């Protein structure tokens, strides 16, 4: 039986937590910071969890996670 391939793009964007949840980075955190409030910029730095509707797809693409 051959090895399963990992989707490299997904591997770079998502990390698994110790309990098996999936962390992701937030959108809108790359540029145009002058129009964003400091509170919003602080919140954008922190990772978020992937929505439950998308977990199955991402875990299938990360077979050795």
C-alpha atoms as a PDB file:
ATOM      1  CA  UNK A   1       0.000   0.000   0.000  1.00  0.00           C
ATOM      2  CA  UNK A   2       1.575   3.316  -1.023  1.00  0.00           C
ATOM      3  CA  UNK A   3       1.887   6.271   1.286  1.00  0.00           C
ATOM      4  CA  UNK A   4      -0.857   8.896   1.255  1.00  0.00           C
ATOM      5  CA  UNK A   5       0.207  12.328   0.037  1.00  0.00           C
ATOM      6  CA  UNK A   6      -0.150  15.415   2.218  1.00  0.00           C
ATOM      7  CA  UNK A   7      -1.457  18.604   0.597  1.00  0.00           C
ATOM      8  CA  UNK A   8       1.550  20.879   1.107  1.00  0.00           C
ATOM      9  CA  UNK A   9      -0.419  24.139   0.822  1.00  0.00           C
ATOM     10  CA  UNK A  10      -2.777  23.065   3.596  1.00  0.00           C
ATOM     11  CA  UNK A  11       0.121  21.801   5.715  1.00  0.00           C
ATOM     12  CA  UNK A  12       1.665  25.298   5.633  1.00  0.00           C
ATOM     13  CA  UNK A  13      -1.574  27.090   6.528  1.00  0.00           C
ATOM     14  CA  UNK A  14      -2.998  24.924   9.324  1.00  0.00           C
ATOM     15  CA  UNK A  15      -1.638  23.375  12.534  1.00  0.00           C
ATOM     16  CA  UNK A  16      -3.193  20.706  14.732  1.00  0.00           C
ATOM     17  CA  UNK A  17      -3.585  21.316  18.456  1.00  0.00           C
ATOM     18  CA  UNK A  18      -2.893  18.644  21.065  1.00  0.00           C
ATOM     19  CA  UNK A  19      -6.603  17.785  21.232  1.00  0.00           C
ATOM     20  CA  UNK A  20      -6.896  17.473  17.457  1.00  0.00           C
ATOM     21  CA  UNK A  21      -8.523  20.814  16.680  1.00  0.00           C
ATOM     22  CA  UNK A  22      -7.211  22.826  13.743  1.00  0.00           C
ATOM     23  CA  UNK A  23      -5.689  26.296  14.144  1.00  0.00           C
ATOM     24  CA  UNK A  24      -5.603  28.851  11.349  1.00  0.00           C
ATOM     25  CA  UNK A  25      -4.370  32.387  10.833  1.00  0.00           C
ATOM     26  CA  UNK A  26      -6.852  35.229  10.451  1.00  0.00           C
ATOM     27  CA  UNK A  27      -7.638  37.136   7.266  1.00  0.00           C
ATOM     28  CA  UNK A  28      -7.082  40.873   6.711  1.00  0.00           C
ATOM     29  CA  UNK A  29      -3.829  40.966   8.669  1.00  0.00           C
ATOM     30  CA  UNK A  30      -1.244  41.758   5.989  1.00  0.00           C
ATOM     31  CA  UNK A  31      -1.519  45.413   4.976  1.00  0.00           C
ATOM     32  CA  UNK A  32      -3.635  48.608   5.147  1.00  0.00           C
ATOM     33  CA  UNK A  33      -3.191  48.872   8.909  1.00  0.00           C
ATOM     34  CA  UNK A  34      -3.796  52.625   9.123  1.00  0.00           C
ATOM     35  CA  UNK A  35      -7.527  52.137   8.695  1.00  0.00           C
ATOM     36  CA  UNK A  36      -7.762  49.393  11.350  1.00  0.00           C
ATOM     37  CA  UNK A  37      -8.115  50.077  15.056  1.00  0.00           C
ATOM     38  CA  UNK A  38      -5.404  48.888  17.481  1.00  0.00           C
ATOM     39  CA  UNK A  39      -7.874  46.520  19.114  1.00  0.00           C
ATOM     40  CA  UNK A  40      -8.687  44.940  15.763  1.00  0.00           C
ATOM     41  CA  UNK A  41      -4.995  44.591  14.875  1.00  0.00           C
ATOM     42  CA  UNK A  42      -4.260  42.850  18.196  1.00  0.00           C
ATOM     43  CA  UNK A  43      -7.095  40.420  17.596  1.00  0.00           C
ATOM     44  CA  UNK A  44      -5.882  39.653  14.061  1.00  0.00           C
ATOM     45  CA  UNK A  45      -2.470  38.533  15.401  1.00  0.00           C
ATOM     46  CA  UNK A  46      -3.968  35.647  17.365  1.00  0.00           C
ATOM     47  CA  UNK A  47      -4.801  32.337  15.681  1.00  0.00           C
ATOM     48  CA  UNK A  48      -8.367  31.078  15.430  1.00  0.00           C
ATOM     49  CA  UNK A  49      -9.928  27.631  15.171  1.00  0.00           C
ATOM     50  CA  UNK A  50     -11.314  26.293  11.915  1.00  0.00           C
ATOM     51  CA  UNK A  51     -15.112  26.127  11.708  1.00  0.00           C
ATOM     52  CA  UNK A  52     -16.598  22.690  12.339  1.00  0.00           C
ATOM     53  CA  UNK A  53     -18.044  22.537   8.806  1.00  0.00           C
ATOM     54  CA  UNK A  54     -14.527  22.625   7.301  1.00  0.00           C
ATOM     55  CA  UNK A  55     -12.683  20.312   9.713  1.00  0.00           C
ATOM     56  CA  UNK A  56     -13.445  17.098   7.823  1.00  0.00           C
ATOM     57  CA  UNK A  57     -12.052  18.432   4.524  1.00  0.00           C
ATOM     58  CA  UNK A  58      -8.846  19.707   6.084  1.00  0.00           C
ATOM     59  CA  UNK A  59      -8.191  16.551   8.101  1.00  0.00           C
ATOM     60  CA  UNK A  60      -8.595  14.475   4.932  1.00  0.00           C
ATOM     61  CA  UNK A  61      -5.900  16.585   3.253  1.00  0.00           C
ATOM     62  CA  UNK A  62      -3.572  16.119   6.281  1.00  0.00           C
ATOM     63  CA  UNK A  63      -3.502  12.326   6.667  1.00  0.00           C
ATOM     64  CA  UNK A  64      -0.460  12.272   8.961  1.00  0.00           C
ATOM     65  CA  UNK A  65      -1.466  15.223  11.160  1.00  0.00           C
END
